[in-house]
């Protein structure tokens, strides 16, 4: 099973690192790279997207990205801070977790369907 990922608002080195890690892992397929998370469905060719990774100032999940879950455009949203020190993950079923200083590879590992995510109201 290939996991389709879209990158949203992932500028510069962070975006390049994430793209590189995704492209090197045969379990993942980068389907879109967009500035605005609301454009994920269009940019991915209206295909289902398993996960969206979005860059925010503090690693919290923005409202536009939460709507992707509500609108069933994706299963998982991961937000990572611009400095890479903070991240949070939310799944469509409501499970969420805060991730501290994750590497790009750890971000991808958190997206895998078998990854265990503990509920965390702060995420």
C-alpha atoms as a PDB file:
ATOM      1  CA  UNK A   1       0.000   0.000   0.000  1.00  0.00           C
ATOM      2  CA  UNK A   2       1.358   3.410  -0.982  1.00  0.00           C
ATOM      3  CA  UNK A   3       0.635   6.352   1.307  1.00  0.00           C
ATOM      4  CA  UNK A   4      -0.148   9.526  -0.643  1.00  0.00           C
ATOM      5  CA  UNK A   5       1.148  12.748   0.904  1.00  0.00           C
ATOM      6  CA  UNK A   6       0.625  16.396   0.055  1.00  0.00           C
ATOM      7  CA  UNK A   7       2.879  19.166   1.333  1.00  0.00           C
ATOM      8  CA  UNK A   8       1.243  22.505   2.080  1.00  0.00           C
ATOM      9  CA  UNK A   9       2.978  25.708   2.985  1.00  0.00           C
ATOM     10  CA  UNK A  10       6.359  23.966   3.381  1.00  0.00           C
ATOM     11  CA  UNK A  11       8.918  26.516   2.233  1.00  0.00           C
ATOM     12  CA  UNK A  12      12.650  26.314   1.766  1.00  0.00           C
ATOM     13  CA  UNK A  13      14.853  23.760   3.439  1.00  0.00           C
ATOM     14  CA  UNK A  14      12.071  22.183   5.506  1.00  0.00           C
ATOM     15  CA  UNK A  15       9.968  21.512   2.424  1.00  0.00           C
ATOM     16  CA  UNK A  16      12.971  20.210   0.518  1.00  0.00           C
ATOM     17  CA  UNK A  17      13.895  17.850   3.370  1.00  0.00           C
ATOM     18  CA  UNK A  18      10.354  16.519   3.625  1.00  0.00           C
ATOM     19  CA  UNK A  19      10.097  16.070  -0.133  1.00  0.00           C
ATOM     20  CA  UNK A  20      13.421  14.225  -0.208  1.00  0.00           C
ATOM     21  CA  UNK A  21      12.432  11.840   2.605  1.00  0.00           C
ATOM     22  CA  UNK A  22       9.063  11.148   0.956  1.00  0.00           C
ATOM     23  CA  UNK A  23      10.649  10.460  -2.427  1.00  0.00           C
ATOM     24  CA  UNK A  24      13.214   8.049  -0.939  1.00  0.00           C
ATOM     25  CA  UNK A  25      10.644   5.950   0.921  1.00  0.00           C
ATOM     26  CA  UNK A  26       8.878   3.488  -1.382  1.00  0.00           C
ATOM     27  CA  UNK A  27       5.816   3.420   0.904  1.00  0.00           C
ATOM     28  CA  UNK A  28       5.108   7.111   0.222  1.00  0.00           C
ATOM     29  CA  UNK A  29       4.060   9.052  -2.856  1.00  0.00           C
ATOM     30  CA  UNK A  30       4.174  12.858  -3.019  1.00  0.00           C
ATOM     31  CA  UNK A  31       0.978  13.827  -4.864  1.00  0.00           C
ATOM     32  CA  UNK A  32       1.016  17.622  -4.426  1.00  0.00           C
ATOM     33  CA  UNK A  33       3.000  20.546  -3.078  1.00  0.00           C
ATOM     34  CA  UNK A  34       0.841  23.627  -2.561  1.00  0.00           C
ATOM     35  CA  UNK A  35       0.999  26.939  -0.745  1.00  0.00           C
ATOM     36  CA  UNK A  36      -2.596  26.922   0.504  1.00  0.00           C
ATOM     37  CA  UNK A  37      -3.908  23.783   2.276  1.00  0.00           C
ATOM     38  CA  UNK A  38      -7.364  24.405   0.803  1.00  0.00           C
ATOM     39  CA  UNK A  39      -5.896  23.638  -2.653  1.00  0.00           C
ATOM     40  CA  UNK A  40      -4.819  20.086  -1.794  1.00  0.00           C
ATOM     41  CA  UNK A  41      -7.788  18.364  -3.448  1.00  0.00           C
ATOM     42  CA  UNK A  42      -7.382  20.274  -6.697  1.00  0.00           C
ATOM     43  CA  UNK A  43      -3.595  19.967  -6.795  1.00  0.00           C
ATOM     44  CA  UNK A  44      -3.714  16.214  -6.178  1.00  0.00           C
ATOM     45  CA  UNK A  45      -6.022  15.727  -9.145  1.00  0.00           C
ATOM     46  CA  UNK A  46      -9.000  15.086  -6.871  1.00  0.00           C
ATOM     47  CA  UNK A  47      -7.386  11.816  -5.766  1.00  0.00           C
ATOM     48  CA  UNK A  48      -7.664  10.698  -2.192  1.00  0.00           C
ATOM     49  CA  UNK A  49      -4.803  11.983  -0.090  1.00  0.00           C
ATOM     50  CA  UNK A  50      -3.790   9.958   2.934  1.00  0.00           C
ATOM     51  CA  UNK A  51      -1.894  12.743   4.682  1.00  0.00           C
ATOM     52  CA  UNK A  52      -1.168  16.440   4.460  1.00  0.00           C
ATOM     53  CA  UNK A  53       1.921  17.967   6.057  1.00  0.00           C
ATOM     54  CA  UNK A  54       1.626  21.696   6.644  1.00  0.00           C
ATOM     55  CA  UNK A  55       4.156  24.157   8.052  1.00  0.00           C
ATOM     56  CA  UNK A  56       2.923  26.649  10.652  1.00  0.00           C
ATOM     57  CA  UNK A  57       4.681  29.117  12.932  1.00  0.00           C
ATOM     58  CA  UNK A  58       4.186  26.993  16.060  1.00  0.00           C
ATOM     59  CA  UNK A  59       3.373  23.497  14.832  1.00  0.00           C
ATOM     60  CA  UNK A  60      -0.328  23.709  15.608  1.00  0.00           C
ATOM     61  CA  UNK A  61      -2.861  22.497  13.069  1.00  0.00           C
ATOM     62  CA  UNK A  62      -4.550  25.430  11.308  1.00  0.00           C
ATOM     63  CA  UNK A  63      -8.290  25.576  10.725  1.00  0.00           C
ATOM     64  CA  UNK A  64      -7.888  25.135   6.950  1.00  0.00           C
ATOM     65  CA  UNK A  65      -6.040  21.859   7.550  1.00  0.00           C
ATOM     66  CA  UNK A  66      -8.640  20.633  10.062  1.00  0.00           C
ATOM     67  CA  UNK A  67     -11.272  21.189   7.393  1.00  0.00           C
ATOM     68  CA  UNK A  68      -9.411  18.754   5.130  1.00  0.00           C
ATOM     69  CA  UNK A  69     -10.162  16.084   7.734  1.00  0.00           C
ATOM     70  CA  UNK A  70     -13.789  17.160   8.146  1.00  0.00           C
ATOM     71  CA  UNK A  71     -14.331  17.242   4.375  1.00  0.00           C
ATOM     72  CA  UNK A  72     -12.755  13.771   4.088  1.00  0.00           C
ATOM     73  CA  UNK A  73     -10.025  15.009   1.747  1.00  0.00           C
ATOM     74  CA  UNK A  74      -7.379  13.287   3.857  1.00  0.00           C
ATOM     75  CA  UNK A  75      -7.012  10.870   6.772  1.00  0.00           C
ATOM     76  CA  UNK A  76      -4.189  12.604   8.650  1.00  0.00           C
ATOM     77  CA  UNK A  77      -2.847  16.128   9.023  1.00  0.00           C
ATOM     78  CA  UNK A  78       0.584  16.840  10.443  1.00  0.00           C
ATOM     79  CA  UNK A  79       1.591  20.403  11.256  1.00  0.00           C
ATOM     80  CA  UNK A  80       5.250  21.171  11.840  1.00  0.00           C
ATOM     81  CA  UNK A  81       6.722  24.434  13.081  1.00  0.00           C
ATOM     82  CA  UNK A  82       8.978  26.372  10.737  1.00  0.00           C
ATOM     83  CA  UNK A  83      11.960  25.630  13.000  1.00  0.00           C
ATOM     84  CA  UNK A  84      11.072  21.911  13.066  1.00  0.00           C
ATOM     85  CA  UNK A  85      11.033  21.744  16.871  1.00  0.00           C
ATOM     86  CA  UNK A  86       7.305  21.231  17.329  1.00  0.00           C
ATOM     87  CA  UNK A  87       4.687  19.276  15.460  1.00  0.00           C
ATOM     88  CA  UNK A  88       1.207  17.941  15.979  1.00  0.00           C
ATOM     89  CA  UNK A  89      -0.754  15.222  14.289  1.00  0.00           C
ATOM     90  CA  UNK A  90      -4.504  14.785  13.987  1.00  0.00           C
ATOM     91  CA  UNK A  91      -6.364  11.911  12.375  1.00  0.00           C
ATOM     92  CA  UNK A  92      -9.855  12.042  10.914  1.00  0.00           C
ATOM     93  CA  UNK A  93     -11.181   9.922  13.797  1.00  0.00           C
ATOM     94  CA  UNK A  94     -10.135  12.670  16.236  1.00  0.00           C
ATOM     95  CA  UNK A  95      -7.016  11.051  17.655  1.00  0.00           C
ATOM     96  CA  UNK A  96      -4.257  13.608  18.094  1.00  0.00           C
ATOM     97  CA  UNK A  97      -0.776  13.904  19.510  1.00  0.00           C
ATOM     98  CA  UNK A  98       1.936  16.506  19.931  1.00  0.00           C
ATOM     99  CA  UNK A  99       5.336  15.511  18.506  1.00  0.00           C
ATOM    100  CA  UNK A 100       8.479  17.047  20.009  1.00  0.00           C
ATOM    101  CA  UNK A 101      11.439  17.805  17.721  1.00  0.00           C
ATOM    102  CA  UNK A 102      10.601  15.160  15.120  1.00  0.00           C
ATOM    103  CA  UNK A 103      12.952  14.434  12.257  1.00  0.00           C
ATOM    104  CA  UNK A 104      11.426  14.345   8.762  1.00  0.00           C
ATOM    105  CA  UNK A 105      11.606  10.522   8.891  1.00  0.00           C
ATOM    106  CA  UNK A 106       9.785  10.492  12.254  1.00  0.00           C
ATOM    107  CA  UNK A 107       7.051  12.694  10.774  1.00  0.00           C
ATOM    108  CA  UNK A 108       6.515  10.136   8.026  1.00  0.00           C
ATOM    109  CA  UNK A 109       6.551   7.280  10.536  1.00  0.00           C
ATOM    110  CA  UNK A 110       3.753   9.009  12.480  1.00  0.00           C
ATOM    111  CA  UNK A 111       1.609   9.012   9.320  1.00  0.00           C
ATOM    112  CA  UNK A 112       1.842   5.280   8.714  1.00  0.00           C
ATOM    113  CA  UNK A 113      -1.521   3.588   9.387  1.00  0.00           C
ATOM    114  CA  UNK A 114      -0.002   1.269  11.970  1.00  0.00           C
ATOM    115  CA  UNK A 115       1.469   4.165  13.975  1.00  0.00           C
ATOM    116  CA  UNK A 116      -0.012   4.446  17.422  1.00  0.00           C
ATOM    117  CA  UNK A 117      -1.315   7.894  18.251  1.00  0.00           C
ATOM    118  CA  UNK A 118      -2.373   8.722  21.783  1.00  0.00           C
ATOM    119  CA  UNK A 119      -5.125  11.249  22.361  1.00  0.00           C
ATOM    120  CA  UNK A 120      -3.793  14.644  23.358  1.00  0.00           C
ATOM    121  CA  UNK A 121      -6.180  17.582  23.740  1.00  0.00           C
ATOM    122  CA  UNK A 122      -3.351  20.063  23.173  1.00  0.00           C
ATOM    123  CA  UNK A 123      -2.575  18.892  19.646  1.00  0.00           C
END
